[in-house]
Amino acid sequence: MSAIITDQFRILSAENFIASVASTTNSYYSFVGLTNSTEYANNWEQTPPSPIDSFDNYHDIWDTVIALKKINLSDVRQIVRKIEWNSGTTYDMYRHDISRNNLSKVSNRTSLYESNFYVMNSDYRVYICLHNGTDPENPNGKPSLDEPTFTDLEPKSAGQSGDGYIWKYLYTIKPSDIIKFDTIYYIPTPQNWNTNEENKSVRENANSDSSGQIKVAVIKDRGAGLGEPETYTNVPISGDGSGAEATIVVGNDSTVESITITNGGKGYTYATVNLNLAKFSGNSLPSFDVIIPPPGGHGKNIYRELGAKSILVYSRIENDDLNPDFITGNKIARIGIVKNPTFFDSSNLLNYSKASNTYAIKLSGDIETAVFSPNSTITQTIVGVGTAVGRVVSYDNRTGVLKYWQDRSIVGFGTGSSELRNTPEFGYDLIKFSSYGGIIEGTFSSLPIDTNFVGFVTTIDSNINSGTYNLGQNFKNGLSNPEVEKYSGEMIYIDNRPSITRSQNQKEDIKVILQF
């Protein structure tokens, strides 16, 4: 028994992902995290380890997530491979019959979507190649010499070189989409192709009432001994459709010089040029390949026509004093996507534009000169309970806010592949920091908790730092929980990468490609 998952299923899956992001019943977030990557693997910077797909790993990752950024519908697009037009390159042409039994003639691919049958020009306009100059003397087509630049709705050649190419204009990538979704290897397709007004004329020109309208026929054999030069008009095209006709020109050498579709007809899923009705005669009759358009016609459904079975998800991470969830001064070595995380200690879907996933402590005393180094440990002795241990994510000496996490390594469980991983005999119970415990001890500094502090905002008046600061998290008695319920939702994408250090004056564009 043999079976396949079709490309059409993958395209449908990509479309369903877009619809899932658009749904108000869902909430998608990108995230950044893992400040201490080399403690997970010594050679992380050179060769980041492949993520492990397990529930245990999801929990470990959640412990090291720093902050999340909401993904909106405007942040996702179906994408296709980037194939740029270059003079002198021979491109594949659109064919309905490319398969493992009939490879594309130029790129030798086993499917249409893997072949190079469309291009993006230098002005970010996208065209499909309906004819690449294929004929009996050039069975693999010819080099393209004229860059297509027109936006006419009907297919045509791009210039006067006679390279034999016929192009069909599809769409122009908008500048805003170039910024978000253009990459080295992929280009975006337009959002909401089937309903948007911007591409309406291209869709309507596909003429769904005449689905199966023929545009191109290719000469396979020119024939021989066809008589004097003659132009045969209204040559019928037979098949399961109706109305299509062609004009065939016989040249001075008594062979077919050209064939042009003059009436595309409608309803064809297979077709052939009917030479008997054209009253052809000769020593050897010519033969042709009639190319069947995609369902609905060229331009009707851009996602099916170009094979948009991948998604690009875009997030821009910026520093914002009004909501400082994304820390600076430390590294990040992991990004990912989570679906439907919830608010802390709640079953309600998270809906903030940005959210912090770290615990935080508001310190008092000499906060401006205190030093709590990134990734160093902090401790607090709690009488009658024990010692709480945390790992510093960041410290702001303007506000006295120290962000930290408590991952499994601080209570004796290994985070890497060491023998300590998941070995409880070396572990201890996790103890939370308390407003009523002792001072916070760091490697270089020790300060008490500002147990009287409540709220999101603090006002500082000192010789070094003065002003009102939004802390991005709600504090009670000097402590703040994450805004997100850890381990909630579904972690659908994880990417380990060489770490980068975030600074106050930088921003990062995160582009995640999901392939279905």
Protein backbone atom coordinates (compact mmCIF):
# COMPACT_ATOMS: atom_id res chain seq x y z
CA MET A 1 0.00 0.00 0.00
CA SER A 2 1.42 3.38 -1.05
CA ALA A 3 0.32 6.85 0.00
CA ILE A 4 1.56 10.44 -0.01
CA ILE A 5 0.84 13.67 1.79
CA THR A 6 0.20 16.02 -1.11
CA ASP A 7 1.56 19.51 -1.64
CA GLN A 8 -2.03 20.73 -1.62
CA PHE A 9 -2.42 19.45 1.95
CA ARG A 10 0.73 21.37 2.93
CA ILE A 11 -0.61 24.55 1.33
CA LEU A 12 -3.92 24.03 3.15
CA SER A 13 -2.01 23.55 6.42
CA ALA A 14 -0.21 26.86 5.86
CA GLU A 15 -3.53 28.58 5.17
CA ASN A 16 -5.02 27.01 8.30
CA PHE A 17 -2.12 28.33 10.38
CA ILE A 18 -2.83 31.86 9.09
CA ALA A 19 -6.50 31.41 9.98
CA SER A 20 -5.52 30.17 13.45
CA VAL A 21 -3.47 33.33 14.08
CA ALA A 22 -6.39 35.45 12.87
CA SER A 23 -8.85 33.73 15.22
CA THR A 24 -9.78 35.62 18.38
CA THR A 25 -9.88 32.29 20.23
CA ASN A 26 -6.10 31.92 19.85
CA SER A 27 -3.08 33.89 20.97
CA TYR A 28 0.40 33.34 19.48
CA TYR A 29 3.66 34.69 20.90
CA SER A 30 7.30 34.63 19.93
CA PHE A 31 9.78 34.41 22.78
CA VAL A 32 13.46 34.90 23.55
CA GLY A 33 15.44 33.31 26.32
CA LEU A 34 18.40 31.33 27.68
CA THR A 35 21.08 33.72 28.89
CA ASN A 36 23.54 31.05 30.04
CA SER A 37 23.80 28.83 26.96
CA THR A 38 27.37 27.64 27.57
CA GLU A 39 26.24 26.00 30.79
CA TYR A 40 23.96 23.84 28.65
CA ALA A 41 26.70 22.90 26.20
CA ASN A 42 30.36 23.93 26.19
CA ASN A 43 30.42 24.35 22.39
CA TRP A 44 27.02 26.05 22.16
CA GLU A 45 28.46 29.14 20.43
CA GLN A 46 30.05 27.05 17.67
CA THR A 47 27.41 24.32 17.37
CA PRO A 48 24.13 25.00 19.15
CA PRO A 49 22.50 21.66 20.01
CA SER A 50 19.34 20.58 18.27
CA PRO A 51 16.28 21.17 20.47
CA ILE A 52 14.78 18.13 22.12
CA ASP A 53 11.10 17.51 21.41
CA SER A 54 9.74 16.31 24.75
CA PHE A 55 7.52 17.53 27.57
CA ASP A 56 10.54 17.58 29.88
CA ASN A 57 12.39 19.88 27.50
CA TYR A 58 9.38 22.19 27.19
CA HIS A 59 9.44 22.69 30.96
CA ASP A 60 13.16 23.36 30.94
CA ILE A 61 12.77 25.91 28.14
CA TRP A 62 9.92 27.70 29.92
CA ASP A 63 12.17 28.19 32.95
CA THR A 64 14.65 30.15 30.81
CA VAL A 65 12.22 32.24 28.72
CA ILE A 66 12.78 35.95 29.36
CA ALA A 67 9.96 37.69 27.50
CA LEU A 68 7.28 37.19 24.86
CA LYS A 69 6.00 39.33 21.95
CA LYS A 70 2.49 38.95 20.55
CA ILE A 71 2.17 37.72 16.97
CA ASN A 72 -0.60 39.48 15.05
CA LEU A 73 -2.12 38.60 11.69
CA SER A 74 0.01 41.31 10.06
CA ASP A 75 3.11 39.44 11.30
CA VAL A 76 2.54 36.23 9.31
CA ARG A 77 2.66 35.49 5.57
CA GLN A 78 2.67 32.50 3.28
CA ILE A 79 5.99 32.51 1.45
CA VAL A 80 7.58 30.90 -1.60
CA ARG A 81 11.15 30.37 -2.71
CA LYS A 82 12.97 33.46 -3.94
CA ILE A 83 13.83 33.08 -7.63
CA GLU A 84 15.31 36.30 -8.95
CA TRP A 85 15.36 37.17 -12.64
CA ASN A 86 18.87 37.36 -14.10
CA SER A 87 19.72 37.89 -17.75
CA GLY A 88 21.05 34.77 -19.45
CA THR A 89 19.38 32.33 -17.06
CA THR A 90 17.16 29.61 -18.47
CA TYR A 91 14.03 29.21 -16.35
CA ASP A 92 11.55 26.39 -16.17
CA MET A 93 8.10 27.08 -17.57
CA TYR A 94 4.80 26.35 -15.89
CA ARG A 95 3.64 22.86 -16.74
CA HIS A 96 0.75 20.95 -15.23
CA ASP A 97 2.40 17.56 -15.74
CA ILE A 98 5.75 17.80 -13.93
CA SER A 99 6.26 14.74 -11.74
CA ARG A 100 8.85 12.13 -10.84
CA ASN A 101 7.95 10.50 -14.16
CA ASN A 102 8.25 13.75 -16.11
CA LEU A 103 10.99 15.98 -14.68
CA SER A 104 11.08 19.71 -15.31
CA LYS A 105 13.24 20.22 -18.38
CA VAL A 106 15.64 22.84 -16.98
CA SER A 107 16.03 22.13 -13.26
CA ASN A 108 15.22 18.39 -13.40
CA ARG A 109 12.79 18.64 -10.48
CA THR A 110 10.13 16.09 -9.66
CA SER A 111 7.37 18.60 -8.93
CA LEU A 112 6.17 21.93 -10.24
CA TYR A 113 6.79 23.72 -6.94
CA GLU A 114 10.41 22.62 -6.82
CA SER A 115 11.08 23.91 -10.33
CA ASN A 116 12.05 27.50 -11.21
CA PHE A 117 8.90 28.49 -13.08
CA TYR A 118 8.42 32.02 -11.71
CA VAL A 119 10.66 35.01 -10.99
CA MET A 120 10.85 38.22 -9.01
CA ASN A 121 12.26 41.14 -10.98
CA SER A 122 14.42 44.01 -9.72
CA ASP A 123 11.28 46.02 -8.81
CA TYR A 124 9.86 43.23 -6.63
CA ARG A 125 7.26 42.26 -9.23
CA VAL A 126 6.47 38.57 -9.51
CA TYR A 127 5.82 36.80 -12.82
CA ILE A 128 5.06 33.25 -13.81
CA CYS A 129 6.85 31.87 -16.88
CA LEU A 130 4.25 30.44 -19.27
CA HIS A 131 6.74 29.75 -22.08
CA ASN A 132 10.54 29.59 -21.92
CA GLY A 133 11.30 29.27 -25.61
CA THR A 134 11.01 25.48 -25.67
CA ASP A 135 10.86 24.07 -29.20
CA PRO A 136 12.28 21.01 -31.01
CA GLU A 137 15.68 22.70 -31.36
CA ASN A 138 15.67 23.88 -27.73
CA PRO A 139 13.86 21.14 -25.79
CA ASN A 140 15.06 22.60 -22.48
CA GLY A 141 14.18 26.19 -23.32
CA LYS A 142 16.39 29.23 -23.99
CA PRO A 143 18.16 31.82 -21.83
CA SER A 144 15.92 34.72 -20.78
CA LEU A 145 17.23 38.04 -22.13
CA ASP A 146 14.40 40.51 -21.46
CA GLU A 147 13.49 41.32 -17.85
CA PRO A 148 9.71 41.39 -17.40
CA THR A 149 8.61 44.76 -16.02
CA PHE A 150 5.04 45.18 -17.30
CA THR A 151 1.89 44.95 -15.19
CA ASP A 152 -0.49 44.12 -18.04
CA LEU A 153 -3.05 41.49 -17.14
CA GLU A 154 -2.61 39.35 -20.23
CA PRO A 155 0.56 37.25 -20.76
CA LYS A 156 3.14 38.57 -23.20
CA SER A 157 6.83 38.73 -24.02
CA ALA A 158 9.01 41.14 -22.07
CA GLY A 159 11.04 42.71 -24.89
CA GLN A 160 12.28 42.54 -28.45
CA SER A 161 15.13 40.03 -28.14
CA GLY A 162 13.06 37.15 -29.43
CA ASP A 163 14.07 34.92 -26.50
CA GLY A 164 10.72 33.12 -26.77
CA TYR A 165 9.61 33.85 -23.19
CA ILE A 166 6.00 34.60 -22.31
CA TRP A 167 5.41 36.00 -18.83
CA LYS A 168 2.25 36.45 -16.77
CA TYR A 169 2.27 39.27 -14.17
CA LEU A 170 0.99 38.16 -10.76
CA TYR A 171 1.69 40.77 -8.06
CA THR A 172 4.09 43.34 -6.64
CA ILE A 173 5.56 42.90 -3.17
CA LYS A 174 4.68 45.91 -1.02
CA PRO A 175 7.53 47.85 0.69
CA SER A 176 6.13 47.02 4.13
CA ASP A 177 6.15 43.32 3.25
CA ILE A 178 9.71 43.57 1.93
CA ILE A 179 10.88 44.84 5.34
CA LYS A 180 9.11 42.12 7.28
CA PHE A 181 9.06 39.07 5.05
CA ASP A 182 11.79 39.26 2.40
CA THR A 183 14.73 36.95 3.14
CA ILE A 184 17.73 35.53 1.32
CA TYR A 185 15.76 32.48 0.27
CA TYR A 186 12.07 33.43 0.39
CA ILE A 187 9.62 36.10 -0.75
CA PRO A 188 6.12 36.74 0.62
CA THR A 189 2.83 36.29 -1.15
CA PRO A 190 0.12 38.92 -0.63
CA GLN A 191 -2.15 38.69 2.38
CA ASN A 192 -5.76 37.57 1.77
CA TRP A 193 -5.20 37.00 -1.94
CA ASN A 194 -8.70 35.65 -2.47
CA THR A 195 -10.43 38.77 -1.10
CA ASN A 196 -8.08 41.77 -1.12
CA GLU A 197 -8.88 44.69 -3.42
CA GLU A 198 -5.27 45.32 -4.43
CA ASN A 199 -5.02 42.09 -6.46
CA LYS A 200 -8.65 41.94 -7.57
CA SER A 201 -7.91 42.69 -11.23
CA VAL A 202 -5.42 39.80 -11.49
CA ARG A 203 -7.88 37.40 -9.86
CA GLU A 204 -10.73 38.48 -12.09
CA ASN A 205 -8.57 38.26 -15.20
CA ALA A 206 -8.09 34.57 -14.41
CA ASN A 207 -11.80 34.42 -15.31
CA SER A 208 -13.15 31.67 -13.10
CA ASP A 209 -16.16 31.34 -15.42
CA SER A 210 -13.70 30.04 -17.99
CA SER A 211 -11.65 27.84 -15.68
CA GLY A 212 -9.40 25.61 -17.72
CA GLN A 213 -8.71 28.33 -20.28
CA ILE A 214 -5.73 27.41 -22.47
CA LYS A 215 -2.91 29.98 -22.76
CA VAL A 216 0.06 28.12 -24.26
CA ALA A 217 0.88 25.21 -26.55
CA VAL A 218 4.45 24.03 -27.19
CA ILE A 219 5.80 22.58 -30.44
CA LYS A 220 7.17 19.06 -29.86
CA ASP A 221 7.75 18.16 -33.51
CA ARG A 222 7.61 20.62 -36.42
CA GLY A 223 6.55 17.95 -38.90
CA ALA A 224 7.84 17.73 -42.46
CA GLY A 225 6.56 18.14 -46.01
CA LEU A 226 3.60 20.27 -44.96
CA GLY A 227 3.45 22.11 -48.26
CA GLU A 228 3.66 25.77 -49.17
CA PRO A 229 3.85 28.46 -46.45
CA GLU A 230 0.41 28.85 -44.94
CA THR A 231 -1.33 30.15 -41.85
CA TYR A 232 -3.97 27.84 -40.41
CA THR A 233 -6.50 29.71 -38.30
CA ASN A 234 -9.21 28.46 -35.98
CA VAL A 235 -7.44 25.14 -35.47
CA PRO A 236 -9.58 23.39 -32.85
CA ILE A 237 -8.20 22.11 -29.57
CA SER A 238 -9.91 18.92 -28.47
CA GLY A 239 -10.28 17.53 -24.96
CA ASP A 240 -12.75 17.69 -22.10
CA GLY A 241 -13.25 21.45 -22.48
CA SER A 242 -14.68 23.51 -25.30
CA GLY A 243 -14.01 26.53 -27.47
CA ALA A 244 -10.21 26.65 -27.59
CA GLU A 245 -8.57 27.40 -30.91
CA ALA A 246 -5.05 28.02 -32.21
CA THR A 247 -3.30 29.59 -35.18
CA ILE A 248 -0.52 27.49 -36.73
CA VAL A 249 1.99 28.98 -39.18
CA VAL A 250 3.79 26.75 -41.69
CA GLY A 251 7.04 28.31 -42.91
CA ASN A 252 9.08 28.24 -46.07
CA ASP A 253 10.69 24.91 -45.14
CA SER A 254 7.31 23.17 -45.00
CA THR A 255 7.47 22.76 -41.21
CA VAL A 256 5.56 24.41 -38.39
CA GLU A 257 7.05 27.79 -37.56
CA SER A 258 4.79 28.75 -34.64
CA ILE A 259 1.58 28.01 -32.77
CA THR A 260 -0.44 30.66 -30.93
CA ILE A 261 -3.55 30.19 -28.81
CA THR A 262 -6.17 32.58 -30.16
CA ASN A 263 -9.13 31.39 -28.08
CA GLY A 264 -8.51 29.82 -24.70
CA GLY A 265 -11.92 28.20 -24.40
CA LYS A 266 -12.88 26.80 -21.01
CA GLY A 267 -13.12 23.68 -18.91
CA TYR A 268 -9.98 21.84 -20.02
CA THR A 269 -8.12 19.38 -17.79
CA TYR A 270 -6.55 17.65 -20.82
CA ALA A 271 -6.28 18.76 -24.42
CA THR A 272 -4.65 18.18 -27.78
CA VAL A 273 -4.41 20.11 -31.04
CA ASN A 274 -6.80 18.49 -33.50
CA LEU A 275 -4.87 18.36 -36.76
CA ASN A 276 -7.45 16.21 -38.54
CA LEU A 277 -10.07 18.95 -38.32
CA ALA A 278 -7.44 21.47 -39.44
CA LYS A 279 -7.02 19.40 -42.65
CA PHE A 280 -3.26 19.14 -42.26
CA SER A 281 -1.41 16.92 -44.69
CA GLY A 282 2.24 16.10 -45.19
CA ASN A 283 4.96 13.50 -44.97
CA SER A 284 5.14 13.82 -41.16
CA LEU A 285 2.52 15.66 -39.13
CA PRO A 286 3.61 18.03 -36.32
CA SER A 287 2.83 17.42 -32.65
CA PHE A 288 2.19 19.78 -29.75
CA ASP A 289 1.93 19.87 -25.97
CA VAL A 290 -1.07 21.83 -24.76
CA ILE A 291 -0.39 23.29 -21.29
CA ILE A 292 -3.32 23.13 -18.84
CA PRO A 293 -3.56 26.10 -16.41
CA PRO A 294 -4.02 25.66 -12.66
CA PRO A 295 -7.59 25.34 -11.31
CA GLY A 296 -9.36 28.67 -11.79
CA GLY A 297 -6.72 29.96 -14.19
CA HIS A 298 -3.41 31.78 -13.78
CA GLY A 299 -3.71 34.28 -10.93
CA LYS A 300 -6.92 32.90 -9.45
CA ASN A 301 -5.29 31.37 -6.35
CA ILE A 302 -1.71 32.51 -5.90
CA TYR A 303 -1.04 30.13 -3.01
CA ARG A 304 -1.87 27.03 -5.06
CA GLU A 305 -0.26 28.36 -8.21
CA LEU A 306 3.12 29.12 -6.62
CA GLY A 307 3.06 26.46 -3.93
CA ALA A 308 2.94 28.63 -0.79
CA LYS A 309 3.36 25.81 1.71
CA SER A 310 5.61 27.69 4.15
CA ILE A 311 4.93 30.49 6.64
CA LEU A 312 7.18 33.32 7.80
CA VAL A 313 6.48 34.69 11.28
CA TYR A 314 7.96 38.12 12.02
CA SER A 315 8.72 39.76 15.36
CA ARG A 316 10.71 42.89 16.11
CA ILE A 317 12.28 43.03 19.57
CA GLU A 318 12.80 46.63 20.68
CA ASN A 319 13.87 48.22 23.93
CA ASP A 320 11.17 50.28 25.58
CA ASP A 321 11.48 52.15 28.87
CA LEU A 322 7.68 52.20 29.07
CA ASN A 323 7.56 48.40 29.11
CA PRO A 324 11.03 46.96 29.70
CA ASP A 325 10.15 43.27 29.38
CA PHE A 326 13.04 42.55 27.01
CA ILE A 327 16.21 42.91 29.06
CA THR A 328 19.52 44.45 27.98
CA GLY A 329 23.05 43.73 29.12
CA ASN A 330 22.68 39.96 28.91
CA LYS A 331 22.61 37.34 26.18
CA ILE A 332 19.85 35.44 24.46
CA ALA A 333 20.49 32.12 22.73
CA ARG A 334 17.03 30.76 22.04
CA ILE A 335 13.91 31.91 20.24
CA GLY A 336 10.61 30.18 19.74
CA ILE A 337 6.86 30.36 19.31
CA VAL A 338 4.18 29.35 21.80
CA LYS A 339 0.46 29.09 21.15
CA ASN A 340 -2.12 30.12 23.75
CA PRO A 341 -0.04 30.94 26.83
CA THR A 342 -2.13 32.24 29.72
CA PHE A 343 -1.78 34.99 32.30
CA PHE A 344 0.07 34.10 35.49
CA ASP A 345 -2.06 31.97 37.80
CA SER A 346 -4.98 32.13 35.36
CA SER A 347 -6.64 30.16 32.58
CA ASN A 348 -7.30 33.33 30.55
CA LEU A 349 -5.34 33.71 27.32
CA LEU A 350 -2.46 36.17 27.47
CA ASN A 351 -3.26 39.23 25.35
CA TYR A 352 -0.53 41.75 26.22
CA SER A 353 1.55 43.03 23.31
CA LYS A 354 4.66 42.15 25.34
CA ALA A 355 4.99 40.14 28.52
CA SER A 356 7.74 39.29 30.98
CA ASN A 357 8.42 35.71 32.00
CA THR A 358 10.92 36.49 34.77
CA TYR A 359 10.49 36.90 38.49
CA ALA A 360 11.68 40.24 39.84
CA ILE A 361 12.74 41.83 43.12
CA LYS A 362 12.61 45.56 43.94
CA LEU A 363 15.67 46.25 46.08
CA SER A 364 16.31 49.18 48.39
CA GLY A 365 19.41 50.81 49.79
CA ASP A 366 22.42 51.72 47.67
CA ILE A 367 20.89 50.44 44.42
CA GLU A 368 22.94 52.71 42.14
CA THR A 369 26.35 51.27 43.03
CA ALA A 370 25.24 47.68 43.63
CA VAL A 371 26.50 44.99 41.22
CA PHE A 372 24.51 41.88 40.38
CA SER A 373 26.26 40.37 37.38
CA PRO A 374 24.25 38.62 34.65
CA ASN A 375 24.00 34.84 35.14
CA SER A 376 25.52 35.01 38.65
CA THR A 377 23.55 33.48 41.50
CA ILE A 378 21.66 35.26 44.24
CA THR A 379 20.55 33.74 47.52
CA GLN A 380 18.20 34.56 50.37
CA THR A 381 18.13 32.85 53.73
CA ILE A 382 14.59 32.33 54.98
CA VAL A 383 14.47 31.38 58.65
CA GLY A 384 12.74 28.08 59.25
CA VAL A 385 12.47 27.37 55.51
CA GLY A 386 15.91 27.29 53.91
CA THR A 387 17.88 29.14 51.25
CA ALA A 388 16.31 30.42 48.03
CA VAL A 389 18.63 30.44 45.02
CA GLY A 390 18.16 32.30 41.73
CA ARG A 391 20.06 33.17 38.59
CA VAL A 392 20.41 36.85 37.64
CA VAL A 393 18.83 37.77 34.31
CA SER A 394 19.36 41.52 34.64
CA TYR A 395 19.78 44.29 37.17
CA ASP A 396 18.76 47.93 36.66
CA ASN A 397 20.70 50.24 38.98
CA ARG A 398 18.31 53.10 38.18
CA THR A 399 15.24 51.38 39.62
CA GLY A 400 16.77 48.67 41.79
CA VAL A 401 14.83 45.96 39.93
CA LEU A 402 16.61 42.61 39.79
CA LYS A 403 15.15 40.04 37.37
CA TYR A 404 15.93 36.38 37.90
CA TRP A 405 14.87 32.87 37.11
CA GLN A 406 14.97 29.62 39.05
CA ASP A 407 15.75 26.83 36.61
CA ARG A 408 16.26 23.21 37.57
CA SER A 409 20.05 23.49 37.78
CA ILE A 410 19.97 25.62 40.92
CA VAL A 411 18.44 22.76 42.91
CA GLY A 412 20.77 20.10 41.62
CA PHE A 413 19.18 18.92 38.40
CA GLY A 414 21.43 19.06 35.36
CA THR A 415 20.45 21.29 32.47
CA GLY A 416 22.73 19.73 29.90
CA SER A 417 23.52 16.15 29.02
CA SER A 418 25.48 15.47 32.21
CA GLU A 419 24.86 12.58 34.54
CA LEU A 420 23.06 14.94 36.93
CA ARG A 421 20.11 15.47 34.59
CA ASN A 422 16.92 14.14 36.18
CA THR A 423 18.70 12.57 39.15
CA PRO A 424 16.67 13.54 42.23
CA GLU A 425 19.15 12.08 44.68
CA PHE A 426 21.31 15.16 43.99
CA GLY A 427 18.39 17.61 44.10
CA TYR A 428 16.65 19.75 46.68
CA ASP A 429 13.21 21.32 46.98
CA LEU A 430 12.82 24.61 45.16
CA ILE A 431 12.46 27.49 47.62
CA LYS A 432 10.87 30.73 46.47
CA PHE A 433 12.20 34.16 47.44
CA SER A 434 10.12 35.87 50.12
CA SER A 435 9.31 39.46 51.08
CA TYR A 436 9.79 38.39 54.68
CA GLY A 437 13.11 36.61 54.31
CA GLY A 438 16.61 37.96 54.66
CA ILE A 439 18.57 40.26 52.39
CA ILE A 440 19.43 39.33 48.80
CA GLU A 441 23.02 38.13 48.65
CA GLY A 442 24.95 38.44 45.39
CA THR A 443 28.54 37.81 44.40
CA PHE A 444 29.52 41.45 44.86
CA SER A 445 26.58 43.15 46.62
CA SER A 446 23.89 42.49 49.20
CA LEU A 447 20.71 44.55 49.50
CA PRO A 448 17.38 44.27 51.29
CA ILE A 449 14.02 43.96 49.54
CA ASP A 450 11.90 47.11 49.33
CA THR A 451 8.99 45.41 51.06
CA ASN A 452 6.87 48.56 51.01
CA PHE A 453 6.89 48.86 47.23
CA VAL A 454 3.65 48.12 45.37
CA GLY A 455 2.70 48.73 41.72
CA PHE A 456 4.13 49.12 38.21
CA VAL A 457 5.82 52.52 38.44
CA THR A 458 8.60 53.95 40.55
CA THR A 459 9.89 57.52 40.85
CA ILE A 460 13.59 58.06 41.48
CA ASP A 461 15.10 61.31 42.71
CA SER A 462 18.86 61.13 43.09
CA ASN A 463 22.04 62.81 41.87
CA ILE A 464 22.66 60.00 39.39
CA ASN A 465 19.23 58.90 38.18
CA SER A 466 16.00 60.86 38.38
CA GLY A 467 12.67 60.26 36.74
CA THR A 468 9.59 58.05 36.64
CA TYR A 469 10.10 54.50 35.40
CA ASN A 470 7.58 51.91 34.26
CA LEU A 471 8.84 48.57 35.57
CA GLY A 472 6.83 46.39 33.18
CA GLN A 473 5.66 44.12 35.99
CA ASN A 474 3.34 44.51 38.95
CA PHE A 475 5.08 44.35 42.35
CA LYS A 476 3.62 43.49 45.73
CA ASN A 477 5.76 43.90 48.83
CA GLY A 478 8.81 44.27 46.61
CA LEU A 479 8.34 41.03 44.64
CA SER A 480 6.84 40.42 41.21
CA ASN A 481 5.68 37.21 39.56
CA PRO A 482 5.99 36.66 35.80
CA GLU A 483 3.13 37.98 33.69
CA VAL A 484 2.86 34.60 32.00
CA GLU A 485 1.85 31.25 33.47
CA LYS A 486 4.88 29.06 32.89
CA TYR A 487 4.31 25.75 31.10
CA SER A 488 0.99 26.98 29.68
CA GLY A 489 0.00 26.75 26.03
CA GLU A 490 1.70 24.71 23.32
CA MET A 491 5.34 25.22 22.37
CA ILE A 492 5.27 24.83 18.58
CA TYR A 493 8.71 26.10 17.55
CA ILE A 494 12.13 26.08 19.26
CA ASP A 495 15.37 27.42 17.79
CA ASN A 496 18.74 27.20 19.55
CA ARG A 497 21.27 29.62 18.09
CA PRO A 498 24.61 31.29 18.91
CA SER A 499 24.00 33.86 21.63
CA ILE A 500 23.85 37.61 21.10
CA THR A 501 24.23 40.28 23.77
CA ARG A 502 21.36 42.78 23.83
CA SER A 503 22.25 46.43 24.29
CA GLN A 504 20.05 49.44 24.95
CA ASN A 505 20.38 50.93 21.47
CA GLN A 506 19.69 47.83 19.38
CA LYS A 507 16.70 45.92 18.09
CA GLU A 508 16.37 42.47 16.62
CA ASP A 509 14.19 41.26 13.75
CA ILE A 510 13.17 37.66 14.31
CA LYS A 511 12.04 35.79 11.20
CA VAL A 512 10.85 32.24 11.78
CA ILE A 513 10.06 30.00 8.81
CA LEU A 514 7.53 27.22 9.38
CA GLN A 515 7.48 24.58 6.67
CA PHE A 516 4.46 22.35 6.28
